[in-house]
Amino acid sequence: MDDHVLTGDPTGSARDTEKTMRFAQTSGESRMVGRTPLAQANAAPQRIWEGRPRFLIVLVPGGVQ
């Protein structure tokens, strides 16, 4: 039996990101940025896996600004 490996990323591939950015540029949509304190960095991926973020998550050293 052959071994198979399935890999992926909850945020999509680099191509997905490029397509999303191109859409935003051509449609006039702007991005929304959610800032998360660096101390809560472990919670950010969990929010992505749960499908909760509706914006780009940026980690901010020293707290949210």
C-alpha atoms as a PDB file:
ATOM      1  CA  MET A   1       0.000   0.000   0.000  1.00  0.00           C
ATOM      2  CA  ASP A   2       1.387   3.421  -0.925  1.00  0.00           C
ATOM      3  CA  ASP A   3       1.754   6.081   1.733  1.00  0.00           C
ATOM      4  CA  HIS A   4      -0.069   9.308   0.997  1.00  0.00           C
ATOM      5  CA  VAL A   5       0.493  12.644   2.653  1.00  0.00           C
ATOM      6  CA  LEU A   6      -2.097  15.393   2.676  1.00  0.00           C
ATOM      7  CA  THR A   7      -0.883  18.816   3.685  1.00  0.00           C
ATOM      8  CA  GLY A   8      -2.584  22.163   3.893  1.00  0.00           C
ATOM      9  CA  ASP A   9      -2.839  25.412   5.729  1.00  0.00           C
ATOM     10  CA  PRO A  10      -5.957  26.810   7.428  1.00  0.00           C
ATOM     11  CA  THR A  11      -5.260  30.188   5.854  1.00  0.00           C
ATOM     12  CA  GLY A  12      -4.968  28.802   2.314  1.00  0.00           C
ATOM     13  CA  SER A  13      -2.096  28.630  -0.118  1.00  0.00           C
ATOM     14  CA  ALA A  14       0.100  31.472  -1.339  1.00  0.00           C
ATOM     15  CA  ARG A  15      -1.932  31.415  -4.565  1.00  0.00           C
ATOM     16  CA  ASP A  16      -5.162  31.806  -2.569  1.00  0.00           C
ATOM     17  CA  THR A  17      -3.685  34.842  -0.846  1.00  0.00           C
ATOM     18  CA  GLU A  18      -2.615  36.355  -4.167  1.00  0.00           C
ATOM     19  CA  LYS A  19      -6.102  35.842  -5.621  1.00  0.00           C
ATOM     20  CA  THR A  20      -7.694  37.390  -2.537  1.00  0.00           C
ATOM     21  CA  MET A  21      -5.421  40.436  -2.670  1.00  0.00           C
ATOM     22  CA  ARG A  22      -6.052  40.858  -6.398  1.00  0.00           C
ATOM     23  CA  PHE A  23      -9.810  40.737  -5.761  1.00  0.00           C
ATOM     24  CA  ALA A  24      -9.482  43.343  -3.009  1.00  0.00           C
ATOM     25  CA  GLN A  25      -7.531  45.653  -5.322  1.00  0.00           C
ATOM     26  CA  THR A  26      -9.890  45.351  -8.277  1.00  0.00           C
ATOM     27  CA  SER A  27     -13.130  45.508  -6.281  1.00  0.00           C
ATOM     28  CA  GLY A  28     -12.149  48.408  -4.034  1.00  0.00           C
ATOM     29  CA  GLU A  29     -12.521  46.291  -0.895  1.00  0.00           C
ATOM     30  CA  SER A  30     -10.183  47.163   1.944  1.00  0.00           C
ATOM     31  CA  ARG A  31      -8.712  44.791   4.474  1.00  0.00           C
ATOM     32  CA  MET A  32      -9.681  44.678   8.106  1.00  0.00           C
ATOM     33  CA  VAL A  33      -6.836  44.110  10.560  1.00  0.00           C
ATOM     34  CA  GLY A  34      -7.360  42.525  13.957  1.00  0.00           C
ATOM     35  CA  ARG A  35      -4.522  43.142  16.386  1.00  0.00           C
ATOM     36  CA  THR A  36      -3.720  40.500  18.992  1.00  0.00           C
ATOM     37  CA  PRO A  37      -1.180  40.960  21.808  1.00  0.00           C
ATOM     38  CA  LEU A  38       1.903  38.795  21.373  1.00  0.00           C
ATOM     39  CA  ALA A  39       1.174  37.284  24.792  1.00  0.00           C
ATOM     40  CA  GLN A  40      -1.998  35.767  23.252  1.00  0.00           C
ATOM     41  CA  ALA A  41      -0.235  34.421  20.136  1.00  0.00           C
ATOM     42  CA  ASN A  42      -1.284  30.838  20.857  1.00  0.00           C
ATOM     43  CA  ALA A  43      -4.955  31.813  20.643  1.00  0.00           C
ATOM     44  CA  ALA A  44      -4.649  33.303  17.134  1.00  0.00           C
ATOM     45  CA  PRO A  45      -4.297  29.979  15.236  1.00  0.00           C
ATOM     46  CA  GLN A  46      -7.190  28.522  17.218  1.00  0.00           C
ATOM     47  CA  ARG A  47      -9.400  31.391  16.037  1.00  0.00           C
ATOM     48  CA  ILE A  48      -8.365  30.652  12.437  1.00  0.00           C
ATOM     49  CA  TRP A  49      -9.093  26.914  12.763  1.00  0.00           C
ATOM     50  CA  GLU A  50     -12.533  27.709  14.188  1.00  0.00           C
ATOM     51  CA  GLY A  51     -13.237  30.024  11.247  1.00  0.00           C
ATOM     52  CA  ARG A  52     -13.822  32.980  13.569  1.00  0.00           C
ATOM     53  CA  PRO A  53     -11.572  35.728  12.224  1.00  0.00           C
ATOM     54  CA  ARG A  54     -13.056  37.952   9.565  1.00  0.00           C
ATOM     55  CA  PHE A  55      -9.848  39.917   9.138  1.00  0.00           C
ATOM     56  CA  LEU A  56      -6.090  39.664   9.029  1.00  0.00           C
ATOM     57  CA  ILE A  57      -4.617  38.771  12.436  1.00  0.00           C
ATOM     58  CA  VAL A  58      -1.502  40.739  13.338  1.00  0.00           C
ATOM     59  CA  LEU A  59       0.500  40.005  16.495  1.00  0.00           C
ATOM     60  CA  VAL A  60       1.528  43.157  18.343  1.00  0.00           C
ATOM     61  CA  PRO A  61       4.434  43.073  20.819  1.00  0.00           C
ATOM     62  CA  GLY A  62       3.584  44.755  24.098  1.00  0.00           C
ATOM     63  CA  GLY A  63      -0.173  44.826  23.672  1.00  0.00           C
ATOM     64  CA  VAL A  64      -2.896  45.981  21.323  1.00  0.00           C
ATOM     65  CA  GLN A  65      -2.529  49.426  19.772  1.00  0.00           C
END
